[in-house]
Amino acid sequence: MLVVNRFRVPESDRETFRVDLEQARAALAERPGYLHGVVGRNVDDPELWVLTTQWEHVGAYRRALSAYDVKLHAVPLLSRAIDEPSAFEVVEPGGDLNIHSARSLG
């Protein structure tokens, strides 16, 4: 699964944010199920940043968010992300897509 977190960061906060973002990525990278991550900045709008991570499955990502080091070093930064859906399934050519449906509680 892919997780895409976008951030709007004023130029005056750029250097501090960059350090915090890399620290968050590093904390996530230590968790089981993490495959890789990338930090990026928009070429046309330098105030727009992104942290993209890939995970074995959604459960690994959700468990990572509850780890102490992630709560300390990543969650405060992730809470600054633009409020939009961030979890995506990886779509392989010819592969089955996840089906959106209500889950049974009983």
Protein backbone atom coordinates (compact mmCIF):
# COMPACT_ATOMS: atom_id res chain seq x y z
CA MET A 1 0.00 0.00 0.00
CA LEU A 2 1.06 3.58 -0.60
CA VAL A 3 0.74 6.45 1.84
CA VAL A 4 0.95 9.96 0.40
CA ASN A 5 1.13 12.87 2.85
CA ARG A 6 1.29 16.37 1.39
CA PHE A 7 2.26 19.47 3.36
CA ARG A 8 2.00 23.21 2.76
CA VAL A 9 5.12 24.77 4.31
CA PRO A 10 6.04 28.48 4.25
CA GLU A 11 9.50 29.16 2.84
CA SER A 12 10.56 30.59 6.21
CA ASP A 13 10.00 27.13 7.81
CA ARG A 14 11.65 25.15 4.99
CA GLU A 15 14.87 24.04 6.70
CA THR A 16 13.28 23.09 10.02
CA PHE A 17 10.48 21.25 8.24
CA ARG A 18 12.94 19.35 6.06
CA VAL A 19 14.80 18.07 9.14
CA ASP A 20 11.52 17.11 10.85
CA LEU A 21 10.26 15.37 7.72
CA GLU A 22 13.41 13.29 7.36
CA GLN A 23 13.24 12.40 11.05
CA ALA A 24 9.63 11.26 10.58
CA ARG A 25 10.57 9.17 7.53
CA ALA A 26 13.42 7.57 9.46
CA ALA A 27 11.13 6.68 12.39
CA LEU A 28 8.63 5.07 10.02
CA ALA A 29 11.44 3.22 8.20
CA GLU A 30 12.32 1.35 11.41
CA ARG A 31 8.88 -0.26 11.64
CA PRO A 32 8.04 -3.78 10.41
CA GLY A 33 6.32 -3.79 7.04
CA TYR A 34 7.94 -0.57 5.78
CA LEU A 35 9.23 -1.04 2.23
CA HIS A 36 10.54 2.40 1.27
CA GLY A 37 9.85 6.11 1.44
CA VAL A 38 10.56 9.29 -0.48
CA VAL A 39 10.58 12.95 0.51
CA GLY A 40 9.84 15.43 -2.26
CA ARG A 41 9.14 19.08 -2.96
CA ASN A 42 7.01 20.40 -5.81
CA VAL A 43 9.05 21.89 -8.65
CA ASP A 44 6.47 24.59 -9.45
CA ASP A 45 5.27 25.36 -5.92
CA PRO A 46 8.20 25.08 -3.47
CA GLU A 47 5.87 25.42 -0.47
CA LEU A 48 4.28 22.04 -1.32
CA TRP A 49 6.11 19.01 0.11
CA VAL A 50 5.31 15.28 0.06
CA LEU A 51 6.23 12.21 2.09
CA THR A 52 5.39 9.01 0.24
CA THR A 53 5.87 5.64 1.94
CA GLN A 54 5.16 2.11 0.79
CA TRP A 55 4.09 -0.67 3.15
CA GLU A 56 3.52 -4.42 2.90
CA HIS A 57 -0.14 -3.90 3.86
CA VAL A 58 -2.44 -1.45 5.59
CA GLY A 59 -2.11 -3.25 8.93
CA ALA A 60 1.66 -2.70 8.98
CA TYR A 61 1.17 1.03 8.43
CA ARG A 62 -1.51 1.32 11.10
CA ARG A 63 0.61 -0.60 13.61
CA ALA A 64 3.59 1.62 12.78
CA LEU A 65 1.59 4.70 13.78
CA SER A 66 1.11 3.29 17.28
CA ALA A 67 4.84 2.71 17.93
CA TYR A 68 6.39 4.98 20.56
CA ASP A 69 9.17 6.38 18.33
CA VAL A 70 6.69 7.09 15.54
CA LYS A 71 4.34 8.84 17.96
CA LEU A 72 7.28 10.91 19.15
CA HIS A 73 9.01 11.71 15.82
CA ALA A 74 6.42 11.28 13.04
CA VAL A 75 2.86 11.75 14.29
CA PRO A 76 3.30 15.43 15.24
CA LEU A 77 4.58 16.15 11.73
CA LEU A 78 1.96 13.95 10.03
CA SER A 79 -0.76 15.91 11.84
CA ARG A 80 0.35 18.94 9.80
CA ALA A 81 -0.43 17.19 6.51
CA ILE A 82 -3.07 18.58 4.16
CA ASP A 83 -6.42 17.09 5.18
CA GLU A 84 -7.09 14.61 2.35
CA PRO A 85 -7.16 10.83 1.92
CA SER A 86 -3.62 9.47 2.13
CA ALA A 87 -3.81 5.66 1.86
CA PHE A 88 -3.80 4.08 -1.59
CA GLU A 89 -3.76 0.51 -2.83
CA VAL A 90 -1.07 -0.39 -5.33
CA VAL A 91 -2.72 -1.21 -8.66
CA GLU A 92 -0.85 -3.80 -10.69
CA PRO A 93 -1.69 -4.43 -14.36
CA GLY A 94 -4.45 -7.03 -14.47
CA GLY A 95 -4.61 -7.26 -10.67
CA ASP A 96 -7.77 -7.29 -8.59
CA LEU A 97 -8.91 -4.00 -7.10
CA ASN A 98 -10.00 -3.59 -3.51
CA ILE A 99 -13.80 -3.54 -3.31
CA HIS A 100 -15.38 -0.84 -1.16
CA SER A 101 -18.14 -2.34 0.97
CA ALA A 102 -19.52 -2.08 4.47
CA ARG A 103 -17.90 -4.41 6.96
CA SER A 104 -19.95 -6.87 8.94
CA LEU A 105 -19.96 -6.29 12.70
CA GLY A 106 -21.44 -9.66 13.54
